[in-house]
Amino acid sequence: MQKLLLTIDRISTWIGHAFSWLILVLTIQISWEVFSRYVLNRPNPWAFDLMIMMYGTVFMMAGAYTLAKNGHVRGDVLYGFFPPRLQAGLDLVLYFVFFIPGVVALVWAGYTYAEESWAINETSNITANGPPLYPFKTVIPIAGIFLLFQGLVEIVRCVQCLQMGDWPSREEDVEEVDVDKLKEMVNVSDEEIAGLDKIVTNQQGGRK
């Protein structure tokens, strides 16, 4: 079971990493549009639509990835102080009451929007000669399906935590630098760091 959960984690991670490259594309596209508009005096009417579509795609396709890394914002500031079993119990209730119905509705509505958009070859009406909308709307149900699968994985994790009393492992990924973990990795204590700082300070004072 754990192997299956980690496999779905890896899929969500791969999708998140793949679509994160759109941030670079979006940055280049915005920079080019600014240059084209203010230097060449040749603005592109479709640029604004494309910016919205790319940002929306990144936002939606990162949902499953963020859930896999337990990175979504929690509104309850007390949650972190609860024991794992209580955390799992609360999460399990919220997944069934809010998450599953909400994501299923997202997939259903997104499929309907995408189907209608493809049927009429819908294009954006925000600007003249707007780009097609149907590829962008197709992202909605696809992102919802990935998010739903990852949500089912999290539900299983909640059940395992209730049984074992501790959270099961997750697929590791790049994280922000944790100073305490960094100290453990290089086997350096606070006293050694303070001593090194003192030596460096004395050397700098001697040079002056």
Protein backbone atom coordinates (compact mmCIF):
# COMPACT_ATOMS: atom_id res chain seq x y z
CA MET A 1 0.00 0.00 0.00
CA GLN A 2 2.78 2.44 0.96
CA LYS A 3 4.48 1.80 -2.38
CA LEU A 4 1.27 2.73 -4.23
CA LEU A 5 0.87 5.92 -2.19
CA LEU A 6 4.45 6.98 -2.91
CA THR A 7 3.96 6.21 -6.61
CA ILE A 8 1.01 8.60 -6.79
CA ASP A 9 3.11 11.12 -4.84
CA ARG A 10 5.81 10.81 -7.49
CA ILE A 11 3.29 11.36 -10.29
CA SER A 12 1.95 14.49 -8.57
CA THR A 13 5.53 15.67 -7.99
CA TRP A 14 6.49 15.07 -11.63
CA ILE A 15 3.43 16.98 -12.84
CA GLY A 16 4.18 19.87 -10.50
CA HIS A 17 7.80 20.03 -11.65
CA ALA A 18 6.84 19.81 -15.33
CA PHE A 19 4.28 22.62 -15.19
CA SER A 20 6.52 24.78 -13.01
CA TRP A 21 8.52 25.52 -16.17
CA LEU A 22 5.56 27.61 -17.30
CA ILE A 23 6.71 30.19 -14.73
CA LEU A 24 9.88 30.68 -16.78
CA VAL A 25 7.88 30.82 -20.01
CA LEU A 26 5.48 33.30 -18.42
CA THR A 27 8.38 35.49 -17.24
CA ILE A 28 9.92 35.55 -20.72
CA GLN A 29 6.57 36.24 -22.35
CA ILE A 30 5.80 39.16 -20.03
CA SER A 31 9.29 40.58 -20.48
CA TRP A 32 8.98 40.36 -24.25
CA GLU A 33 5.57 42.00 -24.19
CA VAL A 34 6.90 44.91 -22.11
CA PHE A 35 9.80 45.32 -24.55
CA SER A 36 7.51 45.03 -27.56
CA ARG A 37 4.99 47.47 -26.16
CA TYR A 38 7.26 50.22 -24.83
CA VAL A 39 10.37 49.91 -27.00
CA LEU A 40 9.09 48.65 -30.34
CA ASN A 41 5.66 50.24 -29.91
CA ARG A 42 4.08 47.01 -31.18
CA PRO A 43 1.84 45.58 -28.41
CA ASN A 44 0.33 42.15 -28.94
CA PRO A 45 -3.43 42.04 -28.24
CA TRP A 46 -3.31 38.36 -27.28
CA ALA A 47 -0.56 38.78 -24.66
CA PHE A 48 -2.89 39.53 -21.74
CA ASP A 49 -5.05 36.47 -22.46
CA LEU A 50 -1.99 34.24 -22.72
CA MET A 51 -0.63 35.50 -19.39
CA ILE A 52 -3.91 34.63 -17.65
CA MET A 53 -4.06 31.18 -19.24
CA MET A 54 -0.49 30.25 -18.34
CA TYR A 55 -0.81 31.47 -14.77
CA GLY A 56 -4.15 29.67 -14.38
CA THR A 57 -2.64 26.46 -15.76
CA VAL A 58 0.28 26.59 -13.31
CA PHE A 59 -2.07 27.35 -10.43
CA MET A 60 -4.43 24.45 -11.22
CA MET A 61 -1.84 21.84 -12.11
CA ALA A 62 0.15 22.59 -8.96
CA GLY A 63 -2.80 21.63 -6.74
CA ALA A 64 -2.04 17.90 -6.54
CA TYR A 65 1.68 18.59 -6.11
CA THR A 66 1.05 20.99 -3.22
CA LEU A 67 -1.29 18.51 -1.56
CA ALA A 68 1.30 15.74 -1.95
CA LYS A 69 3.82 17.93 -0.10
CA ASN A 70 1.26 18.91 2.55
CA GLY A 71 1.81 22.50 1.52
CA HIS A 72 -1.70 23.93 1.43
CA VAL A 73 -2.42 26.69 3.93
CA ARG A 74 -4.31 25.66 7.06
CA GLY A 75 -6.60 28.13 8.74
CA ASP A 76 -6.40 26.58 12.21
CA VAL A 77 -3.32 27.84 14.06
CA LEU A 78 -3.84 25.20 16.75
CA TYR A 79 -3.62 22.29 14.29
CA GLY A 80 0.16 22.00 14.57
CA PHE A 81 -0.05 21.48 18.33
CA PHE A 82 -2.48 18.56 18.06
CA PRO A 83 -1.24 14.95 18.32
CA PRO A 84 -1.05 13.09 14.99
CA ARG A 85 -4.19 11.01 15.60
CA LEU A 86 -6.29 14.11 16.28
CA GLN A 87 -4.84 15.79 13.19
CA ALA A 88 -5.68 12.73 11.10
CA GLY A 89 -9.21 12.58 12.46
CA LEU A 90 -9.89 16.23 11.65
CA ASP A 91 -8.37 15.87 8.20
CA LEU A 92 -10.41 12.76 7.47
CA VAL A 93 -13.68 14.49 8.34
CA LEU A 94 -12.79 17.57 6.28
CA TYR A 95 -11.76 15.47 3.29
CA PHE A 96 -15.15 13.76 3.19
CA VAL A 97 -17.25 16.83 4.05
CA PHE A 98 -15.52 19.46 1.88
CA PHE A 99 -12.68 18.13 -0.25
CA ILE A 100 -14.27 15.19 -2.06
CA PRO A 101 -17.58 16.97 -2.89
CA GLY A 102 -15.74 20.13 -3.95
CA VAL A 103 -13.23 18.40 -6.21
CA VAL A 104 -15.86 16.13 -7.76
CA ALA A 105 -17.91 19.25 -8.53
CA LEU A 106 -14.79 20.85 -10.02
CA VAL A 107 -14.18 17.87 -12.31
CA TRP A 108 -17.83 17.69 -13.38
CA ALA A 109 -18.21 21.42 -14.02
CA GLY A 110 -14.79 21.61 -15.67
CA TYR A 111 -15.67 18.78 -18.03
CA THR A 112 -18.91 20.54 -18.97
CA TYR A 113 -17.12 23.85 -19.59
CA ALA A 114 -14.43 22.15 -21.67
CA GLU A 115 -16.94 20.14 -23.70
CA GLU A 116 -18.98 23.23 -24.54
CA SER A 117 -15.85 25.22 -25.34
CA TRP A 118 -14.57 22.58 -27.77
CA ALA A 119 -18.01 22.32 -29.39
CA ILE A 120 -18.08 26.00 -30.35
CA ASN A 121 -14.31 26.49 -30.81
CA GLU A 122 -14.47 29.18 -28.14
CA THR A 123 -11.97 32.03 -28.24
CA SER A 124 -11.30 34.79 -25.72
CA ASN A 125 -13.41 37.93 -26.09
CA ILE A 126 -11.29 40.02 -23.72
CA THR A 127 -9.20 41.30 -26.60
CA ALA A 128 -9.54 41.34 -30.38
CA ASN A 129 -8.50 38.09 -32.07
CA GLY A 130 -8.20 36.42 -28.69
CA PRO A 131 -6.54 32.97 -28.44
CA PRO A 132 -8.63 29.78 -28.18
CA LEU A 133 -10.01 29.00 -24.74
CA TYR A 134 -10.83 25.29 -25.12
CA PRO A 135 -7.27 24.02 -24.38
CA PHE A 136 -7.18 26.13 -21.25
CA LYS A 137 -10.62 24.97 -20.08
CA THR A 138 -9.58 21.35 -20.65
CA VAL A 139 -6.96 21.84 -17.94
CA ILE A 140 -9.73 22.30 -15.34
CA PRO A 141 -11.07 18.70 -15.26
CA ILE A 142 -7.58 17.23 -15.78
CA ALA A 143 -6.21 19.15 -12.79
CA GLY A 144 -9.28 18.14 -10.79
CA ILE A 145 -8.72 14.45 -11.53
CA PHE A 146 -5.08 14.59 -10.39
CA LEU A 147 -6.12 16.50 -7.28
CA LEU A 148 -8.83 13.92 -6.54
CA PHE A 149 -6.36 11.02 -6.80
CA GLN A 150 -3.94 12.78 -4.49
CA GLY A 151 -6.80 13.49 -2.08
CA LEU A 152 -7.62 9.77 -1.96
CA VAL A 153 -3.98 9.11 -1.09
CA GLU A 154 -4.21 11.63 1.75
CA ILE A 155 -7.38 9.94 3.03
CA VAL A 156 -5.53 6.62 3.18
CA ARG A 157 -2.72 8.36 5.04
CA CYS A 158 -5.22 9.68 7.58
CA VAL A 159 -6.53 6.15 8.16
CA GLN A 160 -2.98 4.82 8.55
CA CYS A 161 -2.16 7.58 11.03
CA LEU A 162 -5.26 6.75 13.08
CA GLN A 163 -4.12 3.12 13.17
CA MET A 164 -0.39 3.65 13.84
CA GLY A 165 -0.45 6.91 15.80
CA ASP A 166 1.98 8.65 13.48
CA TRP A 167 1.96 10.04 9.96
CA PRO A 168 3.34 7.73 7.24
CA SER A 169 6.22 8.85 5.06
CA ARG A 170 5.88 11.04 1.97
CA GLU A 171 7.82 11.35 -1.26
CA GLU A 172 10.74 13.69 -0.56
CA ASP A 173 11.24 16.82 -2.59
CA VAL A 174 13.19 20.06 -2.57
CA GLU A 175 12.45 22.03 0.60
CA GLU A 176 13.47 25.31 2.12
CA VAL A 177 16.73 25.20 4.07
CA ASP A 178 16.18 24.13 7.66
CA VAL A 179 19.06 25.52 9.73
CA ASP A 180 18.75 22.86 12.44
CA LYS A 181 18.78 20.03 9.88
CA LEU A 182 21.75 21.65 8.15
CA LYS A 183 23.65 21.71 11.43
CA GLU A 184 22.93 18.01 11.96
CA MET A 185 24.09 17.15 8.43
CA VAL A 186 27.49 18.85 8.85
CA ASN A 187 27.81 17.89 12.54
CA VAL A 188 28.31 21.46 13.75
CA SER A 189 27.13 22.67 17.15
CA ASP A 190 26.06 26.16 18.16
CA GLU A 191 29.19 26.49 20.31
CA GLU A 192 31.45 25.71 17.35
CA ILE A 193 29.63 28.26 15.20
CA ALA A 194 29.96 30.89 17.93
CA GLY A 195 33.67 30.11 18.28
CA LEU A 196 34.18 30.43 14.52
CA ASP A 197 32.32 33.74 14.50
CA LYS A 198 34.61 34.99 17.27
CA ILE A 199 37.74 34.00 15.36
CA VAL A 200 36.51 35.70 12.19
CA THR A 201 35.58 38.85 14.15
CA ASN A 202 39.03 38.99 15.81
CA GLN A 203 40.77 38.55 12.45
CA GLN A 204 38.74 41.34 10.90
CA GLY A 205 39.47 43.57 13.88
CA GLY A 206 43.21 42.86 13.57
CA ARG A 207 43.22 43.85 9.89
CA LYS A 208 41.66 47.20 10.75
